[in-house]
Amino acid sequence: MTDRFRISSLLAPGLAEHKLALPALLRQAGLPAGFFHQEKIYATTAELFALWRAIAEMSPDPGIGLKFGAEPRLERYHPTAMAAVCSRSLRDALQRLARYKQLTCPEEIRVHTTREEASVEFFYLQTDEVQPDVMVDLCLSWITSIARRGTDGQVTPLRLELTRPAQNRELLETHYGCRVRFKAGRNALVFRSSDLDRPFVTHNVDLLTAIGAQLETELAARNTCAEVGEQVKHTLKRSLAGKRPTLQHIARELRTSVRTLQRRLTDANITFQQLVEDTRRELAHHYLKHSAVELNETAFLLGYEDANSFFRAFHGWEGTSPGEWRTRHRATEPAALTPTRF
């Protein structure tokens, strides 16, 4: 899966409403000045985390994440959220959110249900980095707002579990309407299982059919387009070592023309360079975690001309050096003496 989040064009106006200066915010996050001027705004997981950390650092409001998650204006809802509000019940809404979330990002919504309780958690698939607290607030507040809107306020969470130390308890308990458990083992919103099947007063069959059909079409197109990306990445993994990757070489390996491969990538809304970077990052993680390969050899295996180029790229991905990252993430099992060949 590609490490790319689609950022709503409404985020910048929303930040301006909260009196946050975008140029200063982007500098704080280490993002380019033209970030919000792109026709389609995309960010990696690391960039998204950096952006929201900067928002939390620059905003004087400790509840800014809660407010973004609880956006009351339907005109600012993403189609996925609209589909959730139009669903039959909270269970149906959560299933739709989990299904359609993959249209915009490498993130999963997981619901774990027992006889008495149902918990909702968010997982980021392309990073081991801890999710910023402000993003936890945003995501779980978003789920709460959909549950409340759908049931006309009849559903209230049973409790909120947060891994962070105790802070802003009154703010959080007032917002969610439930007790908060700090220093928990997870970030999760917990409902009563019986509330999952409470009917939504906002259930709208016609609107749901229209929105759902469009989202299903986009999902089918995404899955089809994802195939070419995975094909290219698989080929890159077999051919990166010691060579600068080119579109021409990959096209030959896939037995297609450069023009056809480029068109398929364009249709999938991904670039060859993006796939090269994603592949290098995945392989770098693999080599650093599971082998005793020297850093210079790792650079060679990833197709970099020299170790310095690899170090600069890795620092851009992870915000730290390959050696420091290896120390933190080294697998506990005995390391292999040679790298795995793909």
Protein backbone atom coordinates (compact mmCIF):
# COMPACT_ATOMS: atom_id res chain seq x y z
CA MET A 1 0.00 0.00 0.00
CA THR A 2 1.31 3.45 -0.92
CA ASP A 3 2.16 5.78 1.95
CA ARG A 4 -0.01 8.67 0.85
CA PHE A 5 -2.86 10.52 2.56
CA ARG A 6 -5.27 12.68 0.61
CA ILE A 7 -5.63 15.97 2.48
CA SER A 8 -8.95 17.78 2.27
CA SER A 9 -8.86 21.15 0.53
CA LEU A 10 -11.03 22.39 3.42
CA LEU A 11 -8.26 21.91 5.98
CA ALA A 12 -6.47 25.17 5.13
CA PRO A 13 -9.63 27.34 5.50
CA GLY A 14 -10.40 25.48 8.72
CA LEU A 15 -6.97 26.26 10.11
CA ALA A 16 -7.39 29.91 9.14
CA GLU A 17 -10.69 29.95 11.07
CA HIS A 18 -8.70 28.91 14.12
CA LYS A 19 -6.34 31.88 13.58
CA LEU A 20 -3.37 29.73 12.58
CA ALA A 21 -0.97 31.35 10.12
CA LEU A 22 -0.36 28.82 7.36
CA PRO A 23 3.19 29.92 6.36
CA ALA A 24 4.41 29.67 9.97
CA LEU A 25 2.56 26.40 10.46
CA LEU A 26 4.18 24.82 7.40
CA ARG A 27 7.62 25.99 8.49
CA GLN A 28 7.04 24.48 11.91
CA ALA A 29 6.01 21.19 10.27
CA GLY A 30 8.94 21.21 7.86
CA LEU A 31 6.61 21.20 4.84
CA PRO A 32 7.01 23.21 1.61
CA ALA A 33 5.47 26.67 1.45
CA GLY A 34 3.23 25.61 -1.45
CA PHE A 35 1.86 22.55 0.32
CA PHE A 36 -1.74 23.81 0.43
CA HIS A 37 -1.59 25.22 -3.10
CA GLN A 38 -1.48 21.83 -4.81
CA GLU A 39 -4.48 20.89 -6.95
CA LYS A 40 -4.63 17.60 -5.05
CA ILE A 41 -2.94 17.66 -1.66
CA TYR A 42 -1.11 14.52 -0.59
CA ALA A 43 1.12 13.79 2.39
CA THR A 44 3.03 10.81 3.72
CA THR A 45 2.24 9.51 7.20
CA ALA A 46 5.35 11.29 8.54
CA GLU A 47 4.29 14.56 6.91
CA LEU A 48 0.74 14.23 8.21
CA PHE A 49 1.98 13.59 11.74
CA ALA A 50 4.38 16.55 11.49
CA LEU A 51 1.56 18.81 10.28
CA TRP A 52 -0.76 17.92 13.16
CA ARG A 53 2.03 18.15 15.71
CA ALA A 54 2.69 21.68 14.44
CA ILE A 55 -1.03 22.49 14.69
CA ALA A 56 -1.08 21.33 18.31
CA GLU A 57 2.10 23.27 19.12
CA MET A 58 0.92 26.53 17.54
CA SER A 59 -2.71 26.51 18.64
CA PRO A 60 -3.51 27.87 22.10
CA ASP A 61 -6.64 25.69 22.13
CA PRO A 62 -6.05 22.24 23.72
CA GLY A 63 -9.32 21.08 22.16
CA ILE A 64 -8.49 21.93 18.55
CA GLY A 65 -8.41 18.26 17.50
CA LEU A 66 -11.80 17.67 19.13
CA LYS A 67 -13.27 20.62 17.25
CA PHE A 68 -11.98 19.49 13.86
CA GLY A 69 -13.36 16.00 14.50
CA ALA A 70 -16.76 17.31 15.56
CA GLU A 71 -17.26 19.57 12.50
CA PRO A 72 -21.04 20.28 12.56
CA ARG A 73 -21.41 21.59 8.99
CA LEU A 74 -22.57 18.82 6.67
CA GLU A 75 -21.26 20.71 3.64
CA ARG A 76 -17.77 20.06 5.00
CA TYR A 77 -18.30 16.33 5.35
CA HIS A 78 -16.30 13.99 3.12
CA PRO A 79 -18.55 11.63 1.09
CA THR A 80 -17.37 8.78 3.33
CA ALA A 81 -18.69 10.58 6.40
CA MET A 82 -21.93 11.40 4.57
CA ALA A 83 -22.38 7.71 3.77
CA ALA A 84 -21.83 6.91 7.45
CA VAL A 85 -24.45 9.42 8.61
CA CYS A 86 -26.95 8.01 6.10
CA SER A 87 -26.36 4.43 7.29
CA ARG A 88 -28.88 2.21 9.06
CA SER A 89 -27.09 2.08 12.41
CA LEU A 90 -23.78 2.76 14.14
CA ARG A 91 -22.59 -0.72 13.22
CA ASP A 92 -23.41 -0.11 9.57
CA ALA A 93 -21.74 3.33 9.73
CA LEU A 94 -18.52 1.94 11.21
CA GLN A 95 -18.37 -0.79 8.58
CA ARG A 96 -18.73 1.79 5.81
CA LEU A 97 -16.11 4.06 7.34
CA ALA A 98 -13.68 1.15 7.59
CA ARG A 99 -14.36 0.11 4.00
CA TYR A 100 -14.11 3.52 2.37
CA LYS A 101 -11.24 4.89 4.48
CA GLN A 102 -8.84 3.07 2.18
CA LEU A 103 -9.84 5.45 -0.62
CA THR A 104 -7.95 8.32 1.01
CA CYS A 105 -5.16 6.88 3.15
CA PRO A 106 -3.13 3.92 4.48
CA GLU A 107 -5.14 3.83 7.70
CA GLU A 108 -7.52 1.29 9.19
CA ILE A 109 -10.51 1.61 11.49
CA ARG A 110 -10.86 -1.54 13.56
CA VAL A 111 -13.88 -2.43 15.67
CA HIS A 112 -13.56 -5.11 18.35
CA THR A 113 -16.84 -6.36 19.81
CA THR A 114 -17.52 -8.39 22.92
CA ARG A 115 -20.85 -9.25 24.51
CA GLU A 116 -20.94 -5.98 26.46
CA GLU A 117 -18.60 -3.57 24.70
CA ALA A 118 -17.46 -2.42 21.26
CA SER A 119 -14.18 -0.53 20.87
CA VAL A 120 -13.07 1.60 17.92
CA GLU A 121 -9.37 2.15 17.14
CA PHE A 122 -7.38 3.75 14.33
CA PHE A 123 -4.19 2.15 12.97
CA TYR A 124 -1.60 3.69 10.64
CA LEU A 125 -0.16 1.07 8.33
CA GLN A 126 3.00 2.76 7.08
CA THR A 127 4.68 3.81 10.31
CA ASP A 128 5.79 2.66 13.74
CA GLU A 129 5.67 6.24 14.98
CA VAL A 130 3.28 7.12 17.80
CA GLN A 131 0.20 8.99 16.60
CA PRO A 132 0.12 12.61 17.84
CA ASP A 133 -2.41 13.17 20.63
CA VAL A 134 -4.18 15.85 18.60
CA MET A 135 -4.85 13.30 15.84
CA VAL A 136 -6.22 10.82 18.36
CA ASP A 137 -8.58 13.56 19.52
CA LEU A 138 -9.62 14.33 15.95
CA CYS A 139 -10.28 10.73 14.92
CA LEU A 140 -12.20 9.62 18.00
CA SER A 141 -14.15 12.87 18.13
CA TRP A 142 -15.11 12.25 14.48
CA ILE A 143 -16.54 8.83 15.37
CA THR A 144 -18.42 10.33 18.32
CA SER A 145 -19.93 13.10 16.19
CA ILE A 146 -21.22 10.60 13.62
CA ALA A 147 -22.75 8.43 16.36
CA ARG A 148 -24.42 11.45 17.95
CA ARG A 149 -25.70 12.91 14.71
CA GLY A 150 -27.04 9.55 13.54
CA THR A 151 -28.91 8.83 16.77
CA ASP A 152 -29.92 12.40 17.57
CA GLY A 153 -27.68 12.37 20.63
CA GLN A 154 -28.98 9.10 22.06
CA VAL A 155 -25.60 7.33 21.92
CA THR A 156 -22.84 8.31 24.34
CA PRO A 157 -19.53 6.45 24.59
CA LEU A 158 -19.06 4.21 27.60
CA ARG A 159 -15.48 5.41 28.11
CA LEU A 160 -12.45 6.84 26.34
CA GLU A 161 -9.09 5.09 26.67
CA LEU A 162 -5.92 7.09 26.04
CA THR A 163 -2.26 6.14 26.25
CA ARG A 164 -1.22 9.68 27.25
CA PRO A 165 -0.73 10.82 30.87
CA ALA A 166 -3.66 12.55 32.54
CA GLN A 167 -4.27 16.00 31.07
CA ASN A 168 -7.32 18.07 30.14
CA ARG A 169 -9.59 15.54 31.83
CA GLU A 170 -12.50 17.94 32.26
CA LEU A 171 -12.29 19.09 28.64
CA LEU A 172 -12.28 15.52 27.31
CA GLU A 173 -15.00 14.17 29.62
CA THR A 174 -17.25 17.12 28.81
CA HIS A 175 -16.72 16.64 25.06
CA TYR A 176 -17.27 12.87 24.98
CA GLY A 177 -19.78 12.69 27.82
CA CYS A 178 -18.00 9.77 29.45
CA ARG A 179 -15.11 9.01 31.78
CA VAL A 180 -11.55 8.94 30.47
CA ARG A 181 -8.97 6.28 31.33
CA PHE A 182 -5.46 7.70 30.94
CA LYS A 183 -2.22 5.68 30.61
CA ALA A 184 -4.22 2.93 28.94
CA GLY A 185 -2.71 0.35 26.63
CA ARG A 186 -4.44 1.80 23.57
CA ASN A 187 -6.24 4.82 22.13
CA ALA A 188 -9.83 3.65 21.80
CA LEU A 189 -13.41 4.81 22.01
CA VAL A 190 -15.62 2.27 23.75
CA PHE A 191 -19.39 1.96 23.23
CA ARG A 192 -21.96 -0.40 24.63
CA SER A 193 -22.38 -3.27 22.17
CA SER A 194 -26.14 -2.72 22.22
CA ASP A 195 -25.63 0.80 20.86
CA LEU A 196 -24.15 -0.54 17.62
CA ASP A 197 -27.60 -1.58 16.40
CA ARG A 198 -29.49 1.50 17.49
CA PRO A 199 -31.25 2.83 14.34
CA PHE A 200 -29.97 6.08 12.83
CA VAL A 201 -32.62 8.77 12.56
CA THR A 202 -30.57 10.16 9.65
CA HIS A 203 -30.86 6.94 7.61
CA ASN A 204 -31.50 7.98 4.01
CA VAL A 205 -31.76 5.13 1.51
CA ASP A 206 -31.76 7.27 -1.64
CA LEU A 207 -28.79 9.41 -0.62
CA LEU A 208 -26.89 6.39 0.67
CA THR A 209 -27.47 4.56 -2.61
CA ALA A 210 -26.15 7.49 -4.63
CA ILE A 211 -23.10 8.16 -2.45
CA GLY A 212 -22.41 4.45 -1.94
CA ALA A 213 -22.47 3.74 -5.67
CA GLN A 214 -19.89 6.45 -6.33
CA LEU A 215 -17.66 5.29 -3.48
CA GLU A 216 -17.87 1.67 -4.64
CA THR A 217 -16.92 2.74 -8.16
CA GLU A 218 -13.92 4.65 -6.80
CA LEU A 219 -12.95 1.69 -4.63
CA ALA A 220 -13.08 -0.71 -7.57
CA ALA A 221 -10.99 1.68 -9.68
CA ARG A 222 -8.50 2.08 -6.84
CA ASN A 223 -8.12 -1.66 -6.41
CA THR A 224 -7.56 -2.09 -10.15
CA CYS A 225 -5.04 0.73 -10.26
CA ALA A 226 -3.28 -0.57 -7.16
CA GLU A 227 -2.32 -3.68 -9.11
CA VAL A 228 0.05 -1.76 -11.40
CA GLY A 229 1.67 -0.08 -8.40
CA GLU A 230 2.28 -3.43 -6.71
CA GLN A 231 3.63 -4.90 -9.94
CA VAL A 232 6.11 -2.05 -10.29
CA LYS A 233 7.17 -2.29 -6.63
CA HIS A 234 7.65 -6.06 -6.87
CA THR A 235 9.84 -5.59 -9.95
CA LEU A 236 11.82 -2.81 -8.28
CA LYS A 237 12.55 -5.03 -5.29
CA ARG A 238 14.18 -7.56 -7.59
CA SER A 239 16.21 -5.05 -9.58
CA LEU A 240 17.25 -2.14 -7.36
CA ALA A 241 20.64 -3.42 -6.19
CA GLY A 242 23.49 -1.35 -7.60
CA LYS A 243 21.38 0.32 -10.28
CA ARG A 244 19.53 3.58 -10.59
CA PRO A 245 15.93 2.50 -11.33
CA THR A 246 14.37 3.72 -14.56
CA LEU A 247 10.90 3.53 -15.99
CA GLN A 248 12.33 2.05 -19.19
CA HIS A 249 13.93 -0.87 -17.34
CA ILE A 250 10.78 -1.64 -15.33
CA ALA A 251 8.65 -1.49 -18.48
CA ARG A 252 10.95 -4.04 -20.13
CA GLU A 253 10.74 -6.31 -17.09
CA LEU A 254 6.93 -6.09 -17.16
CA ARG A 255 6.92 -6.70 -20.93
CA THR A 256 5.07 -3.54 -21.75
CA SER A 257 5.92 -0.23 -23.38
CA VAL A 258 7.06 2.81 -21.44
CA ARG A 259 4.06 4.73 -22.78
CA THR A 260 1.58 2.09 -21.61
CA LEU A 261 3.16 1.80 -18.17
CA GLN A 262 3.22 5.57 -17.76
CA ARG A 263 -0.45 5.78 -18.74
CA ARG A 264 -1.39 3.10 -16.21
CA LEU A 265 0.51 4.90 -13.47
CA THR A 266 -1.17 8.18 -14.39
CA ASP A 267 -4.57 6.49 -14.29
CA ALA A 268 -3.68 5.18 -10.82
CA ASN A 269 -2.71 8.74 -9.78
CA ILE A 270 0.78 7.65 -8.73
CA THR A 271 4.21 8.45 -10.08
CA PHE A 272 7.13 6.16 -10.81
CA GLN A 273 9.39 8.17 -8.48
CA GLN A 274 6.87 7.80 -5.68
CA LEU A 275 6.89 4.02 -6.13
CA VAL A 276 10.69 4.02 -6.14
CA GLU A 277 10.76 5.93 -2.85
CA ASP A 278 8.09 3.69 -1.28
CA THR A 279 10.00 0.57 -2.35
CA ARG A 280 13.31 1.88 -1.08
CA ARG A 281 11.74 2.78 2.25
CA GLU A 282 10.15 -0.66 2.67
CA LEU A 283 13.40 -2.43 1.79
CA ALA A 284 15.43 -0.14 4.03
CA HIS A 285 13.21 -1.07 6.97
CA HIS A 286 13.61 -4.75 6.12
CA TYR A 287 17.40 -4.64 5.84
CA LEU A 288 17.86 -2.53 8.97
CA LYS A 289 15.55 -4.69 11.08
CA HIS A 290 16.35 -8.17 9.91
CA SER A 291 19.92 -8.31 8.65
CA ALA A 292 23.47 -7.44 9.62
CA VAL A 293 24.16 -5.62 6.36
CA GLU A 294 26.40 -2.58 6.72
CA LEU A 295 24.81 0.80 5.99
CA ASN A 296 27.02 1.36 2.94
CA GLU A 297 25.90 -1.96 1.49
CA THR A 298 22.28 -1.12 2.29
CA ALA A 299 22.66 2.05 0.21
CA PHE A 300 24.02 -0.08 -2.66
CA LEU A 301 21.16 -2.61 -2.37
CA LEU A 302 18.64 0.25 -2.57
CA GLY A 303 20.16 1.62 -5.78
CA TYR A 304 21.72 4.77 -4.34
CA GLU A 305 24.90 6.10 -5.89
CA ASP A 306 26.49 6.68 -2.49
CA ALA A 307 25.77 6.27 1.22
CA ASN A 308 25.20 9.99 1.77
CA SER A 309 22.28 9.97 -0.67
CA PHE A 310 20.73 7.09 1.28
CA PHE A 311 21.28 8.83 4.63
CA ARG A 312 19.61 12.03 3.38
CA ALA A 313 16.63 10.11 1.96
CA PHE A 314 16.22 8.04 5.13
CA HIS A 315 16.33 11.11 7.35
CA GLY A 316 13.60 12.63 5.19
CA TRP A 317 11.44 9.51 5.67
CA GLU A 318 11.96 8.90 9.36
CA GLY A 319 13.46 12.08 10.83
CA THR A 320 16.48 10.16 12.13
CA SER A 321 19.57 8.37 10.82
CA PRO A 322 19.55 4.73 9.62
CA GLY A 323 21.86 3.74 12.48
CA GLU A 324 19.65 5.28 15.16
CA TRP A 325 16.53 3.78 13.57
CA ARG A 326 18.17 0.33 13.46
CA THR A 327 19.05 0.53 17.15
CA ARG A 328 15.44 1.32 18.09
CA HIS A 329 13.78 -1.19 15.80
CA ARG A 330 16.20 -4.10 15.64
CA ALA A 331 14.22 -7.34 15.70
CA THR A 332 14.69 -9.42 18.84
CA GLU A 333 15.33 -12.64 16.92
CA PRO A 334 18.89 -13.43 15.75
CA ALA A 335 19.73 -11.39 12.66
CA ALA A 336 20.45 -13.04 9.35
CA LEU A 337 23.97 -12.65 8.04
CA THR A 338 22.87 -11.79 4.54
CA PRO A 339 19.89 -9.78 3.27
CA THR A 340 16.77 -11.48 2.07
CA ARG A 341 16.55 -11.40 -1.73
CA PHE A 342 13.23 -10.42 -3.24
